[in-house]
Structures are given as C-alpha cells and as structure tokens.
Amino acid sequence: MNNYETVCIVRPDLGDEAVKALIQKAAATIESGAGTVVKLDDWGRRKLAYPIRKKNEGYYFVYSYSSSAETSKELERTLRFNEDVLRYQTIRVVERKPAEAKGPAKEEPKGGETANG
C-alpha cells in the first residue's frame, strides 16, 4: 500500500449537494479498491490562478489516502470522466527518514596546511 494525495477542483456553480455527492463518490472509489481514506481537507471555493473552462473560481478538496496503485488510477479515471471536475492531480507521498548525523561534511586541512595552499 502506498500513500497518495489527490487535489481536485470542481466547478463553482455546482450545488452543495452535488459537491458532497462527488466527494462521497471519490471516497467510495478509494474504499472499494481496499484503500483507506486518511484525511479529507475541504478547502471550499477559491479563486483560480487563471481561468479554466471560462471559470474564475473553483471548489477545492484534497484526499489523503492509502491504497494500491490500481486504486489510485481508478480514482483518476473516475475524476477524468466527470464533467464537473475542472482539474485534479494525484501525487504519491514518500516518507523520508531524517538523515543521520555523520560528522563534518568537509575534511579539515592537516598539518598546518591552509585551504589556499
């Protein structure tokens, strides 16, 4: 199982019930593929940086979830074929461990030598 985040922008003129239905459909797609939704961030209506399909605003929501790659692709397919979705993007979240302290990064000059020679 991998960790993913999907950001979705929906048409702003869509009603609240339709937006909630779309969010529920996305969650159902994740859960039907044996994935688990970790977090849903509902950002609400925001101004777009540039017009998309002649719209200046969009309704944003972000899913953080854990699933297989196939489930993530299925979610993207579901969003791609929905006419109410203006944009979406999925990224795989990779957890990195902090680097261990190894000592000095540079070697210091030995025996009275200077860095300039």
Protein backbone atom coordinates (compact mmCIF):
# COMPACT_ATOMS: atom_id res chain seq x y z
CA MET A 1 0.00 0.00 0.00
CA ASN A 2 1.23 3.45 -0.94
CA ASN A 3 0.24 6.84 0.44
CA TYR A 4 -1.33 9.29 -2.01
CA GLU A 5 -2.80 12.78 -2.06
CA THR A 6 -5.31 13.87 -4.68
CA VAL A 7 -6.29 17.51 -5.16
CA CYS A 8 -9.49 18.12 -7.07
CA ILE A 9 -11.06 21.35 -8.38
CA VAL A 10 -14.78 21.24 -9.14
CA ARG A 11 -16.98 23.75 -10.98
CA PRO A 12 -18.01 26.58 -8.64
CA ASP A 13 -21.62 26.74 -9.89
CA LEU A 14 -22.26 23.17 -8.78
CA GLY A 15 -24.67 22.93 -5.85
CA ASP A 16 -23.58 21.88 -2.36
CA GLU A 17 -25.40 18.54 -2.62
CA ALA A 18 -23.69 17.73 -5.93
CA VAL A 19 -20.27 18.59 -4.47
CA LYS A 20 -20.92 16.37 -1.45
CA ALA A 21 -22.04 13.57 -3.77
CA LEU A 22 -18.83 13.89 -5.81
CA ILE A 23 -16.71 13.82 -2.64
CA GLN A 24 -18.60 10.72 -1.44
CA LYS A 25 -18.16 9.04 -4.84
CA ALA A 26 -14.39 9.64 -4.68
CA ALA A 27 -14.25 8.17 -1.16
CA ALA A 28 -16.31 5.17 -2.28
CA THR A 29 -13.92 4.59 -5.18
CA ILE A 30 -10.95 4.55 -2.79
CA GLU A 31 -12.66 2.25 -0.30
CA SER A 32 -13.96 -0.14 -2.98
CA GLY A 33 -10.34 -0.74 -4.03
CA ALA A 34 -9.36 -1.79 -0.48
CA GLY A 35 -7.90 1.64 0.24
CA THR A 36 -8.40 3.75 3.34
CA VAL A 37 -9.10 7.47 3.44
CA VAL A 38 -6.76 9.05 5.96
CA LYS A 39 -7.94 12.65 5.71
CA LEU A 40 -10.27 14.87 3.70
CA ASP A 41 -9.48 18.59 3.52
CA ASP A 42 -12.40 20.61 2.20
CA TRP A 43 -10.86 23.92 1.12
CA GLY A 44 -14.11 25.33 -0.26
CA ARG A 45 -14.46 27.88 -3.02
CA ARG A 46 -11.30 29.74 -4.06
CA LYS A 47 -10.16 31.98 -6.86
CA LEU A 48 -8.23 30.22 -9.61
CA ALA A 49 -4.82 31.48 -10.73
CA TYR A 50 -6.07 31.51 -14.33
CA PRO A 51 -9.45 30.78 -15.94
CA ILE A 52 -10.27 27.13 -16.60
CA ARG A 53 -13.21 26.49 -18.96
CA LYS A 54 -14.18 30.15 -18.56
CA LYS A 55 -14.44 29.79 -14.77
CA ASN A 56 -12.53 32.11 -12.41
CA GLU A 57 -13.30 30.16 -9.22
CA GLY A 58 -13.33 26.52 -8.22
CA TYR A 59 -14.33 24.33 -5.30
CA TYR A 60 -11.25 22.56 -3.90
CA PHE A 61 -10.92 19.38 -1.88
CA VAL A 62 -7.92 17.18 -1.05
CA TYR A 63 -7.91 13.48 -0.19
CA SER A 64 -5.03 11.85 1.69
CA TYR A 65 -5.33 8.10 1.42
CA SER A 66 -3.52 4.80 1.45
CA SER A 67 -4.18 2.39 -1.41
CA SER A 68 -2.69 0.32 -4.19
CA ALA A 69 -1.57 1.91 -7.44
CA GLU A 70 -4.56 0.39 -9.27
CA THR A 71 -7.00 2.09 -6.88
CA SER A 72 -5.29 5.44 -7.38
CA LYS A 73 -5.54 5.04 -11.16
CA GLU A 74 -9.22 4.11 -10.84
CA LEU A 75 -9.87 7.29 -8.82
CA GLU A 76 -8.15 9.37 -11.50
CA ARG A 77 -10.22 7.65 -14.19
CA THR A 78 -13.41 8.43 -12.28
CA LEU A 79 -12.43 12.10 -11.94
CA ARG A 80 -11.31 12.38 -15.58
CA PHE A 81 -14.70 11.30 -16.94
CA ASN A 82 -16.71 13.59 -14.64
CA GLU A 83 -17.63 16.79 -16.49
CA ASP A 84 -17.93 18.76 -13.24
CA VAL A 85 -14.23 18.30 -12.41
CA LEU A 86 -12.08 21.13 -13.75
CA ARG A 87 -8.67 19.75 -12.67
CA TYR A 88 -7.19 17.04 -10.48
CA GLN A 89 -3.73 15.85 -9.57
CA THR A 90 -2.52 12.83 -7.64
CA ILE A 91 0.89 12.51 -6.04
CA ARG A 92 2.48 9.62 -4.20
CA VAL A 93 3.67 10.69 -0.77
CA VAL A 94 7.04 9.21 0.15
CA GLU A 95 8.03 9.31 3.79
CA ARG A 96 11.71 10.07 4.17
CA LYS A 97 13.71 9.31 7.25
CA PRO A 98 15.85 12.15 8.58
CA ALA A 99 19.50 11.90 7.62
CA GLU A 100 21.75 10.65 10.39
CA ALA A 101 24.48 12.94 11.65
CA LYS A 102 27.69 11.74 10.06
CA GLY A 103 30.39 14.12 11.17
CA PRO A 104 31.99 17.03 9.34
CA ALA A 105 31.00 17.40 5.72
CA LYS A 106 34.42 18.76 4.67
CA GLU A 107 37.82 17.48 5.55
CA GLU A 108 39.85 19.96 7.51
CA PRO A 109 43.42 20.70 6.35
CA LYS A 110 46.04 18.63 8.15
CA GLY A 111 49.48 19.57 9.43
CA GLY A 112 49.27 23.37 9.25
CA GLU A 113 48.12 23.46 5.64
CA THR A 114 45.71 26.17 4.69
CA ALA A 115 42.83 25.93 2.29
CA ASN A 116 44.54 28.37 -0.12
CA GLY A 117 47.76 26.48 -0.30
